[in-house]
Amino acid sequence: MNRTIAVLGLMGLLVAMPALADGPRVSRLPRAPDPPTDPIVKQMWDQTRARGGQILNLHYTMGNAPKIAQAEQNLTYALRFDAKSPRGLRELAIMRTGQRLNAPYEMHAHEPLLIACGYSKAQIAALPNWRMSKLFAEKERALLAYVDEVDSGGAVTDETFAQMQRFFTPEEILELTIVTVHYYGTALLTKSLQIQVEDDDRGAAPGKC
């Protein structure tokens, strides 16, 4: 009788621990089940797959707050697929932000996207010391100076902003600013929640360069 009760208790414990049953640990938070049980999460993941992406550890983590995750994904995809500024430069801003915040997850996720937009591994390696590098054009240098100042608390000088205005329209400047601050937040999120870098070949929805 006691053995039966113990077995039933163990079974109940296992049922109450879906994060362990659904796959390996992906962050400090439980892993959202796949296939998803929440209709919003299912819609989000269907959209990700339809755009050519795979379900990443970030998605498994964000599935804990479906409505907020959906709003975040809508902004991410608007920046990736609908923005007017050059896609490669958006990815450059994201990579530089990831480097400045020492955010491994962000850098790992966006390096393939940056390379797909024509940047080389040598340029990525040169980003931390871009001011001394000859691998970046004047327009890219204007953006990198702007991103560095935005990431340093937003104290953008008039000189730096004037350089941005030389190369970008007001719409593009706004987009590039939102890209930078959005992925600044993503970098902090992935670090705070210790979201694990994927150890397989899963990748984000690529978009077009």
N, C-alpha and C. Protein backbone atom coordinates (compact mmCIF):
# COMPACT_ATOMS: atom_id res chain seq x y z
N MET A 1 0.84 -1.21 0.00
CA MET A 1 0.00 0.00 0.00
C MET A 1 0.87 1.26 0.00
N ASN A 2 1.87 1.28 0.94
CA ASN A 2 2.76 2.43 1.01
C ASN A 2 3.56 2.59 -0.28
N ARG A 3 3.96 1.43 -0.87
CA ARG A 3 4.73 1.48 -2.12
C ARG A 3 3.88 2.07 -3.25
N THR A 4 2.60 1.69 -3.28
CA THR A 4 1.69 2.22 -4.31
C THR A 4 1.54 3.72 -4.17
N ILE A 5 1.40 4.20 -2.94
CA ILE A 5 1.27 5.63 -2.69
C ILE A 5 2.53 6.37 -3.13
N ALA A 6 3.69 5.75 -2.84
CA ALA A 6 4.96 6.38 -3.22
C ALA A 6 5.08 6.49 -4.74
N VAL A 7 4.69 5.42 -5.46
CA VAL A 7 4.75 5.43 -6.92
C VAL A 7 3.83 6.49 -7.49
N LEU A 8 2.60 6.56 -6.94
CA LEU A 8 1.65 7.57 -7.42
C LEU A 8 2.17 8.98 -7.14
N GLY A 9 2.81 9.15 -5.99
CA GLY A 9 3.37 10.46 -5.67
C GLY A 9 4.48 10.86 -6.63
N LEU A 10 5.32 9.89 -7.02
CA LEU A 10 6.39 10.16 -7.97
C LEU A 10 5.82 10.51 -9.33
N MET A 11 4.77 9.79 -9.75
CA MET A 11 4.13 10.08 -11.03
C MET A 11 3.56 11.50 -11.03
N GLY A 12 2.96 11.90 -9.93
CA GLY A 12 2.41 13.24 -9.84
C GLY A 12 3.49 14.31 -9.91
N LEU A 13 4.65 14.00 -9.30
CA LEU A 13 5.76 14.94 -9.36
C LEU A 13 6.26 15.12 -10.78
N LEU A 14 6.35 14.02 -11.52
CA LEU A 14 6.81 14.09 -12.90
C LEU A 14 5.84 14.88 -13.77
N VAL A 15 4.54 14.71 -13.54
CA VAL A 15 3.54 15.46 -14.30
C VAL A 15 3.66 16.95 -14.01
N ALA A 16 4.03 17.28 -12.77
CA ALA A 16 4.11 18.68 -12.36
C ALA A 16 5.41 19.35 -12.81
N MET A 17 6.28 18.60 -13.53
CA MET A 17 7.57 19.15 -13.95
C MET A 17 7.72 19.06 -15.45
N PRO A 18 6.85 19.76 -16.23
CA PRO A 18 6.89 19.66 -17.68
C PRO A 18 8.18 20.19 -18.29
N ALA A 19 8.83 21.16 -17.62
CA ALA A 19 10.04 21.73 -18.20
C ALA A 19 11.13 20.68 -18.35
N LEU A 20 11.18 19.71 -17.41
CA LEU A 20 12.19 18.66 -17.50
C LEU A 20 11.81 17.65 -18.56
N ALA A 21 10.53 17.41 -18.74
CA ALA A 21 10.07 16.39 -19.68
C ALA A 21 10.12 16.86 -21.12
N ASP A 22 10.09 18.17 -21.33
CA ASP A 22 9.99 18.71 -22.69
C ASP A 22 11.33 18.91 -23.38
N GLY A 23 12.43 18.70 -22.68
CA GLY A 23 13.73 18.86 -23.32
C GLY A 23 14.74 19.42 -22.35
N PRO A 24 15.97 19.61 -22.81
CA PRO A 24 17.03 20.11 -21.93
C PRO A 24 16.81 21.55 -21.50
N ARG A 25 17.50 21.93 -20.46
CA ARG A 25 17.42 23.28 -19.92
C ARG A 25 17.85 24.28 -20.98
N VAL A 26 17.08 25.37 -21.14
CA VAL A 26 17.42 26.41 -22.12
C VAL A 26 17.73 27.75 -21.47
N SER A 27 17.30 27.94 -20.20
CA SER A 27 17.55 29.20 -19.50
C SER A 27 17.22 29.00 -18.02
N ARG A 28 17.19 30.09 -17.28
CA ARG A 28 16.80 30.00 -15.88
C ARG A 28 15.31 29.74 -15.71
N LEU A 29 14.54 29.97 -16.76
CA LEU A 29 13.09 29.77 -16.70
C LEU A 29 12.72 28.41 -17.30
N PRO A 30 11.50 27.94 -17.01
CA PRO A 30 11.06 26.68 -17.61
C PRO A 30 11.03 26.77 -19.13
N ARG A 31 11.20 25.66 -19.75
CA ARG A 31 11.15 25.57 -21.21
C ARG A 31 9.69 25.41 -21.64
N ALA A 32 9.21 26.28 -22.52
CA ALA A 32 7.84 26.16 -23.03
C ALA A 32 7.71 24.85 -23.81
N PRO A 33 6.61 24.15 -23.66
CA PRO A 33 6.46 22.85 -24.33
C PRO A 33 6.38 22.98 -25.84
N ASP A 34 6.90 21.98 -26.52
CA ASP A 34 6.86 21.92 -27.98
C ASP A 34 6.40 20.52 -28.38
N PRO A 35 5.20 20.39 -28.97
CA PRO A 35 4.34 21.44 -29.49
C PRO A 35 3.71 22.29 -28.38
N PRO A 36 3.47 23.57 -28.67
CA PRO A 36 2.97 24.47 -27.64
C PRO A 36 1.53 24.17 -27.26
N THR A 37 1.22 24.44 -26.00
CA THR A 37 -0.14 24.27 -25.51
C THR A 37 -0.90 25.60 -25.52
N ASP A 38 -0.18 26.71 -25.60
CA ASP A 38 -0.81 28.02 -25.63
C ASP A 38 -1.04 28.44 -27.08
N PRO A 39 -2.26 28.89 -27.44
CA PRO A 39 -2.54 29.24 -28.84
C PRO A 39 -1.71 30.42 -29.36
N ILE A 40 -1.36 31.36 -28.49
CA ILE A 40 -0.53 32.50 -28.92
C ILE A 40 0.87 32.02 -29.26
N VAL A 41 1.41 31.16 -28.41
CA VAL A 41 2.75 30.62 -28.67
C VAL A 41 2.75 29.79 -29.95
N LYS A 42 1.70 29.03 -30.16
CA LYS A 42 1.60 28.24 -31.40
C LYS A 42 1.60 29.16 -32.62
N GLN A 43 0.83 30.24 -32.55
CA GLN A 43 0.77 31.19 -33.67
C GLN A 43 2.14 31.81 -33.92
N MET A 44 2.84 32.19 -32.86
CA MET A 44 4.17 32.78 -32.98
C MET A 44 5.14 31.82 -33.63
N TRP A 45 5.14 30.59 -33.15
CA TRP A 45 6.11 29.61 -33.67
C TRP A 45 5.77 29.21 -35.09
N ASP A 46 4.49 29.16 -35.40
CA ASP A 46 4.11 28.89 -36.79
C ASP A 46 4.63 30.00 -37.71
N GLN A 47 4.54 31.25 -37.24
CA GLN A 47 5.03 32.38 -38.02
C GLN A 47 6.55 32.29 -38.19
N THR A 48 7.24 31.95 -37.14
CA THR A 48 8.69 31.81 -37.22
C THR A 48 9.08 30.78 -38.25
N ARG A 49 8.44 29.63 -38.20
CA ARG A 49 8.77 28.56 -39.15
C ARG A 49 8.38 28.96 -40.57
N ALA A 50 7.26 29.68 -40.72
CA ALA A 50 6.84 30.11 -42.05
C ALA A 50 7.83 31.09 -42.66
N ARG A 51 8.54 31.83 -41.83
CA ARG A 51 9.53 32.79 -42.31
C ARG A 51 10.91 32.17 -42.50
N GLY A 52 11.01 30.86 -42.30
CA GLY A 52 12.26 30.16 -42.52
C GLY A 52 13.14 30.01 -41.29
N GLY A 53 12.60 30.37 -40.12
CA GLY A 53 13.38 30.23 -38.90
C GLY A 53 13.04 28.96 -38.15
N GLN A 54 13.82 28.68 -37.14
CA GLN A 54 13.58 27.54 -36.27
C GLN A 54 13.33 28.02 -34.85
N ILE A 55 12.78 27.16 -34.03
CA ILE A 55 12.47 27.55 -32.66
C ILE A 55 13.74 27.49 -31.83
N LEU A 56 14.14 28.64 -31.33
CA LEU A 56 15.40 28.79 -30.61
C LEU A 56 15.17 28.77 -29.10
N ASN A 57 16.26 28.72 -28.36
CA ASN A 57 16.14 28.75 -26.90
C ASN A 57 15.50 30.04 -26.41
N LEU A 58 15.70 31.12 -27.14
CA LEU A 58 15.02 32.38 -26.81
C LEU A 58 13.51 32.21 -26.90
N HIS A 59 13.03 31.54 -27.95
CA HIS A 59 11.59 31.31 -28.11
C HIS A 59 11.05 30.43 -26.99
N TYR A 60 11.79 29.36 -26.66
CA TYR A 60 11.35 28.48 -25.58
C TYR A 60 11.23 29.23 -24.26
N THR A 61 12.11 30.19 -24.05
CA THR A 61 12.08 30.99 -22.82
C THR A 61 10.95 32.01 -22.85
N MET A 62 10.80 32.72 -23.97
CA MET A 62 9.77 33.75 -24.08
C MET A 62 8.37 33.16 -24.04
N GLY A 63 8.24 31.88 -24.32
CA GLY A 63 6.93 31.23 -24.27
C GLY A 63 6.30 31.26 -22.89
N ASN A 64 7.05 31.64 -21.88
CA ASN A 64 6.49 31.75 -20.53
C ASN A 64 5.56 32.95 -20.39
N ALA A 65 5.64 33.91 -21.29
CA ALA A 65 4.78 35.10 -21.24
C ALA A 65 4.25 35.36 -22.65
N PRO A 66 3.25 34.59 -23.10
CA PRO A 66 2.85 34.60 -24.51
C PRO A 66 2.50 35.96 -25.09
N LYS A 67 1.68 36.77 -24.41
CA LYS A 67 1.26 38.05 -24.99
C LYS A 67 2.42 39.02 -25.12
N ILE A 68 3.28 39.07 -24.12
CA ILE A 68 4.44 39.96 -24.19
C ILE A 68 5.42 39.45 -25.24
N ALA A 69 5.58 38.14 -25.29
CA ALA A 69 6.47 37.55 -26.30
C ALA A 69 5.98 37.86 -27.71
N GLN A 70 4.68 37.83 -27.91
CA GLN A 70 4.12 38.12 -29.23
C GLN A 70 4.39 39.57 -29.62
N ALA A 71 4.23 40.50 -28.68
CA ALA A 71 4.51 41.90 -28.96
C ALA A 71 5.98 42.09 -29.30
N GLU A 72 6.85 41.41 -28.57
CA GLU A 72 8.29 41.51 -28.83
C GLU A 72 8.63 40.94 -30.19
N GLN A 73 8.02 39.82 -30.55
CA GLN A 73 8.30 39.21 -31.85
C GLN A 73 7.79 40.09 -32.98
N ASN A 74 6.65 40.73 -32.79
CA ASN A 74 6.12 41.62 -33.83
C ASN A 74 7.10 42.76 -34.12
N LEU A 75 7.70 43.33 -33.07
CA LEU A 75 8.68 44.39 -33.28
C LEU A 75 9.93 43.84 -33.95
N THR A 76 10.40 42.70 -33.48
CA THR A 76 11.60 42.10 -34.07
C THR A 76 11.41 41.86 -35.56
N TYR A 77 10.28 41.30 -35.94
CA TYR A 77 10.05 40.99 -37.35
C TYR A 77 9.80 42.24 -38.18
N ALA A 78 9.19 43.26 -37.58
CA ALA A 78 9.03 44.53 -38.30
C ALA A 78 10.40 45.12 -38.61
N LEU A 79 11.31 45.07 -37.64
CA LEU A 79 12.67 45.58 -37.86
C LEU A 79 13.43 44.73 -38.87
N ARG A 80 13.17 43.45 -38.87
CA ARG A 80 13.92 42.56 -39.77
C ARG A 80 13.38 42.55 -41.19
N PHE A 81 12.07 42.62 -41.35
CA PHE A 81 11.46 42.42 -42.66
C PHE A 81 10.87 43.68 -43.29
N ASP A 82 10.54 44.68 -42.48
CA ASP A 82 9.78 45.82 -43.01
C ASP A 82 10.54 47.15 -43.00
N ALA A 83 11.70 47.19 -42.38
CA ALA A 83 12.42 48.46 -42.26
C ALA A 83 13.00 48.88 -43.61
N LYS A 84 13.22 50.19 -43.78
CA LYS A 84 13.74 50.75 -45.02
C LYS A 84 15.27 50.87 -45.02
N SER A 85 15.87 50.97 -43.85
CA SER A 85 17.33 51.09 -43.77
C SER A 85 17.99 49.80 -44.26
N PRO A 86 19.23 49.89 -44.75
CA PRO A 86 19.90 48.70 -45.29
C PRO A 86 19.98 47.59 -44.25
N ARG A 87 19.56 46.39 -44.65
CA ARG A 87 19.51 45.27 -43.71
C ARG A 87 20.88 44.97 -43.14
N GLY A 88 21.92 44.99 -43.95
CA GLY A 88 23.25 44.70 -43.45
C GLY A 88 23.67 45.66 -42.35
N LEU A 89 23.29 46.93 -42.47
CA LEU A 89 23.66 47.90 -41.46
C LEU A 89 22.86 47.68 -40.17
N ARG A 90 21.63 47.22 -40.30
CA ARG A 90 20.86 46.87 -39.10
C ARG A 90 21.54 45.73 -38.35
N GLU A 91 21.98 44.73 -39.11
CA GLU A 91 22.67 43.61 -38.48
C GLU A 91 24.01 44.05 -37.89
N LEU A 92 24.67 44.99 -38.54
CA LEU A 92 25.93 45.52 -38.01
C LEU A 92 25.69 46.20 -36.66
N ALA A 93 24.61 46.97 -36.56
CA ALA A 93 24.28 47.63 -35.29
C ALA A 93 23.98 46.60 -34.20
N ILE A 94 23.30 45.52 -34.57
CA ILE A 94 22.98 44.47 -33.60
C ILE A 94 24.25 43.78 -33.11
N MET A 95 25.13 43.43 -34.04
CA MET A 95 26.36 42.74 -33.66
C MET A 95 27.23 43.62 -32.77
N ARG A 96 27.34 44.90 -33.14
CA ARG A 96 28.15 45.81 -32.32
C ARG A 96 27.55 45.94 -30.92
N THR A 97 26.24 46.01 -30.83
CA THR A 97 25.59 46.10 -29.53
C THR A 97 25.85 44.83 -28.72
N GLY A 98 25.74 43.68 -29.36
CA GLY A 98 26.03 42.43 -28.66
C GLY A 98 27.46 42.37 -28.15
N GLN A 99 28.40 42.86 -28.95
CA GLN A 99 29.79 42.89 -28.52
C GLN A 99 29.99 43.82 -27.33
N ARG A 100 29.40 45.00 -27.41
CA ARG A 100 29.59 45.99 -26.33
C ARG A 100 29.02 45.49 -25.01
N LEU A 101 27.93 44.73 -25.07
CA LEU A 101 27.33 44.21 -23.85
C LEU A 101 27.84 42.82 -23.49
N ASN A 102 28.78 42.32 -24.28
CA ASN A 102 29.33 40.98 -24.05
C ASN A 102 28.20 39.97 -23.90
N ALA A 103 27.35 39.91 -24.92
CA ALA A 103 26.15 39.07 -24.90
C ALA A 103 26.35 37.90 -25.87
N PRO A 104 26.84 36.76 -25.41
CA PRO A 104 27.16 35.64 -26.30
C PRO A 104 25.98 35.16 -27.14
N TYR A 105 24.79 35.12 -26.53
CA TYR A 105 23.64 34.60 -27.27
C TYR A 105 23.33 35.48 -28.47
N GLU A 106 23.34 36.79 -28.26
CA GLU A 106 23.03 37.71 -29.35
C GLU A 106 24.08 37.64 -30.46
N MET A 107 25.34 37.57 -30.08
CA MET A 107 26.40 37.50 -31.09
C MET A 107 26.32 36.20 -31.88
N HIS A 108 26.06 35.10 -31.20
CA HIS A 108 25.96 33.80 -31.86
C HIS A 108 24.79 33.78 -32.84
N ALA A 109 23.65 34.34 -32.43
CA ALA A 109 22.46 34.31 -33.27
C ALA A 109 22.60 35.19 -34.50
N HIS A 110 23.30 36.31 -34.36
CA HIS A 110 23.31 37.29 -35.46
C HIS A 110 24.57 37.23 -36.33
N GLU A 111 25.57 36.50 -35.94
CA GLU A 111 26.74 36.39 -36.81
C GLU A 111 26.39 35.79 -38.17
N PRO A 112 25.61 34.68 -38.23
CA PRO A 112 25.24 34.16 -39.55
C PRO A 112 24.41 35.14 -40.38
N LEU A 113 23.56 35.92 -39.73
CA LEU A 113 22.74 36.89 -40.44
C LEU A 113 23.59 38.02 -40.99
N LEU A 114 24.60 38.43 -40.23
CA LEU A 114 25.51 39.49 -40.70
C LEU A 114 26.35 38.99 -41.87
N ILE A 115 26.83 37.76 -41.78
CA ILE A 115 27.61 37.17 -42.87
C ILE A 115 26.75 37.02 -44.12
N ALA A 116 25.49 36.62 -43.92
CA ALA A 116 24.58 36.48 -45.06
C ALA A 116 24.35 37.80 -45.77
N CYS A 117 24.56 38.91 -45.06
CA CYS A 117 24.40 40.24 -45.66
C CYS A 117 25.71 40.77 -46.24
N GLY A 118 26.72 39.91 -46.34
CA GLY A 118 27.93 40.28 -47.05
C GLY A 118 29.13 40.65 -46.20
N TYR A 119 28.99 40.62 -44.89
CA TYR A 119 30.13 40.94 -44.02
C TYR A 119 31.00 39.71 -43.80
N SER A 120 32.27 39.95 -43.60
CA SER A 120 33.24 38.86 -43.45
C SER A 120 33.53 38.61 -41.97
N LYS A 121 34.10 37.43 -41.71
CA LYS A 121 34.54 37.14 -40.34
C LYS A 121 35.63 38.11 -39.90
N ALA A 122 36.44 38.56 -40.85
CA ALA A 122 37.48 39.54 -40.51
C ALA A 122 36.86 40.85 -40.04
N GLN A 123 35.79 41.29 -40.68
CA GLN A 123 35.12 42.51 -40.26
C GLN A 123 34.48 42.35 -38.88
N ILE A 124 33.89 41.18 -38.64
CA ILE A 124 33.28 40.92 -37.33
C ILE A 124 34.36 40.95 -36.25
N ALA A 125 35.50 40.33 -36.54
CA ALA A 125 36.60 40.32 -35.57
C ALA A 125 37.15 41.72 -35.33
N ALA A 126 37.05 42.58 -36.34
CA ALA A 126 37.59 43.94 -36.23
C ALA A 126 36.64 44.90 -35.54
N LEU A 127 35.40 44.52 -35.34
CA LEU A 127 34.40 45.44 -34.78
C LEU A 127 34.78 46.03 -33.42
N PRO A 128 35.34 45.25 -32.49
CA PRO A 128 35.68 45.85 -31.20
C PRO A 128 36.64 47.03 -31.32
N ASN A 129 37.49 47.03 -32.35
CA ASN A 129 38.43 48.12 -32.57
C ASN A 129 38.21 48.75 -33.95
N TRP A 130 36.94 48.99 -34.26
CA TRP A 130 36.59 49.45 -35.61
C TRP A 130 37.22 50.79 -35.95
N ARG A 131 37.47 51.64 -34.97
CA ARG A 131 38.04 52.96 -35.26
C ARG A 131 39.44 52.85 -35.86
N MET A 132 40.15 51.79 -35.52
CA MET A 132 41.50 51.60 -36.05
C MET A 132 41.54 50.70 -37.27
N SER A 133 40.38 50.21 -37.68
CA SER A 133 40.31 49.28 -38.81
C SER A 133 40.05 50.03 -40.11
N LYS A 134 40.55 49.46 -41.19
CA LYS A 134 40.29 50.00 -42.53
C LYS A 134 39.25 49.17 -43.29
N LEU A 135 38.55 48.31 -42.55
CA LEU A 135 37.60 47.39 -43.18
C LEU A 135 36.18 47.95 -43.28
N PHE A 136 35.97 49.17 -42.79
CA PHE A 136 34.63 49.73 -42.78
C PHE A 136 34.59 51.05 -43.54
N ALA A 137 33.54 51.20 -44.35
CA ALA A 137 33.35 52.42 -45.14
C ALA A 137 32.90 53.56 -44.24
N GLU A 138 32.91 54.76 -44.81
CA GLU A 138 32.57 55.96 -44.04
C GLU A 138 31.14 55.88 -43.48
N LYS A 139 30.22 55.36 -44.26
CA LYS A 139 28.83 55.24 -43.81
C LYS A 139 28.74 54.26 -42.64
N GLU A 140 29.46 53.17 -42.70
CA GLU A 140 29.46 52.19 -41.62
C GLU A 140 30.09 52.78 -40.37
N ARG A 141 31.13 53.57 -40.55
CA ARG A 141 31.81 54.19 -39.40
C ARG A 141 30.89 55.21 -38.72
N ALA A 142 30.10 55.93 -39.52
CA ALA A 142 29.14 56.86 -38.92
C ALA A 142 28.13 56.11 -38.06
N LEU A 143 27.67 54.98 -38.56
CA LEU A 143 26.71 54.18 -37.81
C LEU A 143 27.35 53.60 -36.55
N LEU A 144 28.55 53.07 -36.67
CA LEU A 144 29.19 52.46 -35.51
C LEU A 144 29.46 53.48 -34.41
N ALA A 145 29.85 54.68 -34.79
CA ALA A 145 30.05 55.73 -33.79
C ALA A 145 28.73 56.04 -33.08
N TYR A 146 27.65 56.08 -33.85
CA TYR A 146 26.32 56.35 -33.28
C TYR A 146 25.90 55.23 -32.34
N VAL A 147 26.06 53.98 -32.79
CA VAL A 147 25.68 52.83 -31.96
C VAL A 147 26.47 52.82 -30.66
N ASP A 148 27.75 53.11 -30.72
CA ASP A 148 28.57 53.13 -29.51
C ASP A 148 28.05 54.16 -28.51
N GLU A 149 27.64 55.31 -29.00
CA GLU A 149 27.17 56.36 -28.10
C GLU A 149 25.76 56.06 -27.58
N VAL A 150 24.92 55.48 -28.42
CA VAL A 150 23.59 55.05 -27.94
C VAL A 150 23.75 54.00 -26.85
N ASP A 151 24.63 53.04 -27.10
CA ASP A 151 24.84 51.96 -26.13
C ASP A 151 25.54 52.43 -24.86
N SER A 152 26.13 53.62 -24.91
CA SER A 152 26.81 54.16 -23.72
C SER A 152 25.90 55.04 -22.88
N GLY A 153 24.61 54.93 -23.08
CA GLY A 153 23.65 55.68 -22.28
C GLY A 153 22.88 56.72 -23.05
N GLY A 154 23.10 56.77 -24.36
CA GLY A 154 22.31 57.66 -25.19
C GLY A 154 22.83 59.07 -25.29
N ALA A 155 24.04 59.32 -24.77
CA ALA A 155 24.61 60.68 -24.83
C ALA A 155 25.27 60.88 -26.20
N VAL A 156 24.44 60.99 -27.23
CA VAL A 156 24.93 61.12 -28.60
C VAL A 156 25.32 62.58 -28.84
N THR A 157 26.54 62.80 -29.30
CA THR A 157 27.00 64.17 -29.55
C THR A 157 26.38 64.71 -30.83
N ASP A 158 26.37 66.03 -30.95
CA ASP A 158 25.87 66.67 -32.16
C ASP A 158 26.71 66.27 -33.37
N GLU A 159 28.01 66.13 -33.17
CA GLU A 159 28.90 65.75 -34.27
C GLU A 159 28.55 64.35 -34.79
N THR A 160 28.36 63.43 -33.88
CA THR A 160 28.02 62.06 -34.28
C THR A 160 26.67 62.02 -34.99
N PHE A 161 25.71 62.77 -34.46
CA PHE A 161 24.38 62.78 -35.08
C PHE A 161 24.43 63.43 -36.46
N ALA A 162 25.24 64.46 -36.60
CA ALA A 162 25.37 65.12 -37.90
C ALA A 162 25.93 64.17 -38.95
N GLN A 163 26.84 63.29 -38.52
CA GLN A 163 27.38 62.29 -39.45
C GLN A 163 26.29 61.30 -39.87
N MET A 164 25.43 60.94 -38.94
CA MET A 164 24.30 60.07 -39.30
C MET A 164 23.41 60.76 -40.32
N GLN A 165 23.17 62.03 -40.15
CA GLN A 165 22.30 62.76 -41.07
C GLN A 165 22.91 62.90 -42.47
N ARG A 166 24.22 62.79 -42.57
CA ARG A 166 24.87 62.81 -43.88
C ARG A 166 24.49 61.60 -44.72
N PHE A 167 24.30 60.48 -44.05
CA PHE A 167 24.17 59.21 -44.77
C PHE A 167 22.77 58.60 -44.71
N PHE A 168 21.96 59.02 -43.76
CA PHE A 168 20.68 58.34 -43.54
C PHE A 168 19.53 59.34 -43.50
N THR A 169 18.36 58.89 -43.94
CA THR A 169 17.15 59.69 -43.85
C THR A 169 16.63 59.67 -42.41
N PRO A 170 15.73 60.59 -42.05
CA PRO A 170 15.14 60.54 -40.72
C PRO A 170 14.50 59.18 -40.41
N GLU A 171 13.82 58.59 -41.40
CA GLU A 171 13.21 57.28 -41.17
C GLU A 171 14.26 56.24 -40.87
N GLU A 172 15.34 56.26 -41.61
CA GLU A 172 16.40 55.27 -41.39
C GLU A 172 17.09 55.48 -40.04
N ILE A 173 17.30 56.74 -39.66
CA ILE A 173 17.91 57.00 -38.35
C ILE A 173 17.03 56.46 -37.23
N LEU A 174 15.74 56.70 -37.34
CA LEU A 174 14.82 56.18 -36.32
C LEU A 174 14.87 54.66 -36.27
N GLU A 175 14.83 54.02 -37.44
CA GLU A 175 14.89 52.56 -37.47
C GLU A 175 16.17 52.04 -36.83
N LEU A 176 17.30 52.63 -37.20
CA LEU A 176 18.59 52.16 -36.69
C LEU A 176 18.71 52.41 -35.18
N THR A 177 18.08 53.48 -34.70
CA THR A 177 18.06 53.74 -33.27
C THR A 177 17.22 52.69 -32.55
N ILE A 178 16.05 52.39 -33.09
CA ILE A 178 15.17 51.39 -32.46
C ILE A 178 15.83 50.01 -32.50
N VAL A 179 16.47 49.69 -33.63
CA VAL A 179 17.20 48.41 -33.70
C VAL A 179 18.22 48.33 -32.57
N THR A 180 18.98 49.38 -32.39
CA THR A 180 20.04 49.37 -31.39
C THR A 180 19.49 49.20 -29.99
N VAL A 181 18.48 50.00 -29.63
CA VAL A 181 17.96 49.93 -28.26
C VAL A 181 17.17 48.64 -28.03
N HIS A 182 16.51 48.14 -29.08
CA HIS A 182 15.76 46.89 -28.94
C HIS A 182 16.71 45.74 -28.65
N TYR A 183 17.80 45.67 -29.38
CA TYR A 183 18.73 44.56 -29.17
C TYR A 183 19.64 44.79 -27.97
N TYR A 184 19.77 46.02 -27.52
CA TYR A 184 20.40 46.29 -26.23
C TYR A 184 19.58 45.59 -25.14
N GLY A 185 18.26 45.79 -25.21
CA GLY A 185 17.38 45.12 -24.25
C GLY A 185 17.43 43.61 -24.38
N THR A 186 17.46 43.11 -25.61
CA THR A 186 17.54 41.67 -25.81
C THR A 186 18.82 41.10 -25.23
N ALA A 187 19.93 41.83 -25.40
CA ALA A 187 21.20 41.38 -24.83
C ALA A 187 21.10 41.26 -23.31
N LEU A 188 20.50 42.24 -22.66
CA LEU A 188 20.34 42.19 -21.22
C LEU A 188 19.43 41.04 -20.80
N LEU A 189 18.36 40.83 -21.59
CA LEU A 189 17.43 39.75 -21.28
C LEU A 189 18.12 38.39 -21.35
N THR A 190 18.86 38.15 -22.44
CA THR A 190 19.50 36.85 -22.61
C THR A 190 20.56 36.60 -21.54
N LYS A 191 21.24 37.66 -21.10
CA LYS A 191 22.24 37.49 -20.06
C LYS A 191 21.60 37.29 -18.68
N SER A 192 20.57 38.08 -18.37
CA SER A 192 19.92 37.99 -17.07
C SER A 192 19.28 36.63 -16.85
N LEU A 193 18.66 36.10 -17.91
CA LEU A 193 17.97 34.81 -17.81
C LEU A 193 18.87 33.64 -18.17
N GLN A 194 20.13 33.92 -18.48
CA GLN A 194 21.11 32.89 -18.84
C GLN A 194 20.57 31.97 -19.94
N ILE A 195 20.06 32.58 -21.00
CA ILE A 195 19.58 31.80 -22.13
C ILE A 195 20.78 31.14 -22.81
N GLN A 196 20.68 29.84 -23.00
CA GLN A 196 21.80 29.05 -23.48
C GLN A 196 21.97 29.20 -24.99
N VAL A 197 23.22 29.37 -25.42
CA VAL A 197 23.52 29.38 -26.85
C VAL A 197 23.21 28.00 -27.43
N GLU A 198 22.55 27.97 -28.58
CA GLU A 198 22.21 26.69 -29.21
C GLU A 198 23.48 25.92 -29.56
N ASP A 199 23.46 24.62 -29.26
CA ASP A 199 24.62 23.78 -29.59
C ASP A 199 24.37 22.93 -30.84
N ASP A 200 23.38 23.36 -31.64
CA ASP A 200 23.08 22.67 -32.89
C ASP A 200 23.01 23.71 -34.00
N ASP A 201 22.40 23.35 -35.12
CA ASP A 201 22.40 24.27 -36.27
C ASP A 201 21.11 25.06 -36.41
N ARG A 202 20.34 25.18 -35.34
CA ARG A 202 19.13 26.00 -35.42
C ARG A 202 19.48 27.46 -35.65
N GLY A 203 18.65 28.13 -36.47
CA GLY A 203 18.92 29.53 -36.77
C GLY A 203 17.64 30.35 -36.80
N ALA A 204 17.81 31.68 -36.73
CA ALA A 204 16.68 32.60 -36.74
C ALA A 204 16.13 32.78 -38.15
N ALA A 205 14.90 33.31 -38.23
CA ALA A 205 14.32 33.65 -39.53
C ALA A 205 15.25 34.63 -40.22
N PRO A 206 15.76 34.32 -41.41
CA PRO A 206 16.86 35.09 -41.97
C PRO A 206 16.50 36.46 -42.55
N GLY A 207 15.34 36.61 -43.15
CA GLY A 207 15.04 37.85 -43.84
C GLY A 207 15.85 37.97 -45.11
N LYS A 208 15.83 39.15 -45.74
CA LYS A 208 16.54 39.36 -47.00
C LYS A 208 17.47 40.55 -46.88
N CYS A 209 18.65 40.42 -47.47
CA CYS A 209 19.62 41.51 -47.48
C CYS A 209 19.54 42.27 -48.79
